[in-house]
Amino acid sequence: MNILITGGTGFLGTALAARLAADGHAVTALGSKDADLFDPRSLDQFADRKFDRIWHLAAWTQAGDFCLRHPGEQWVNNQKINTTVLDFWRRHQPTAKLIAMGTSCAYADDRPLSEENYLEGQPIDSLFTYAHTKRMLYVGLLALRKQFGLSYLCLVPSTLYGPGYHTDGRQMHFIFDLIRKILGAKLGGPPPELWGDGHQKRELVFLDDFVDWGVRLGDGTDNDLVNLGSGQEHSIREFAQAICDLVGYDFARIRFDTTKYVGAKSKVLAVGKLDRLLPDRRRTPLRDGLAKTIDWFQAHWEALNK
């Protein structure tokens, strides 16, 4: 197949492109230097090429409190990006299946995080704008399917982790920040200071697992929205303890700052649909995934701490 990936040079995009190329597909992986998706005609340079799949991963966001500080920009920039990609799909690639990334923060925190609730209720205030840009992306998929008969798949990921994270200085998702702080302390830095009391819970999915699940669903599931999560959550304290065990650091030396922003208290996706669609899917054990991620951190320590 001939496959186009937006956000193809990012954390997920790089791993996805490598997997698809290894499977024998022709892959065009785009970063912001290859196509400025704020420009509505930036993808027209590919109009004369026929793609079988378009993976839309590009988004204007970062981890941490980024969403709190940039709500207006997030709305404008992500609407531009998504409209550019969907319009290109409609005008130039109507026979391609578009596989887009949703977000778990689109779910309201007062109901189960299951697919039928993706457009229901109010997302938490701190992630409200970004959540709605992803909801609007899904509405766009539904609308283009309804009017033009286009084929789509929307995947809703839990937090991804694994080797190959960004080294450009951006804010890190919580698990990478935990590794950086604890490993830094092990190497002679100050004792780690973590946000919140450590009892807030999160779910992780190992990057290679997510890519495998997404590729398999892309081959066999049409016009649907599917959660891709592990179905299990752990507290920040549990994650920190596991990292301490792996790097040989005393967990008791960690300090918790309860005045800092922590987001949702709990977030674990319902994976009943995923269980039905991929009952035999690979699941990397958490400790194995953390060990591989820590090894990568150590190998790229200088770049990650510029």
Foldseek 3Di string as FASTA:
>chain_A
DEEEEEVLPAQLNVLLQVVCVVVPYHYDYDYCVQFVLLDLCRCVVCLVPAHQEYEYEDAPAADDLGLQVQLPVRQSRLLSNLNSVLVSCLPRHQNHEYEYEAEQQQADPPDAQEFVRSPPDAGDPSCRRNSVSRVVSLVSVVVCCVPPVGKYEYEYEFAEAFFDHDLPPTDHHPLVVLLLQQLCVLVPDAAAEAEAPQQQKGFYAYSVLVSVLVVLCVVPPIDYYAYDTPQDIDTSLVSNVLSCVLSVHDSVSYHYDNVGDDGHSYGGHDHPVVCVVCVPGDGDDPSVRSNRRSVNCVVCVVSNPD
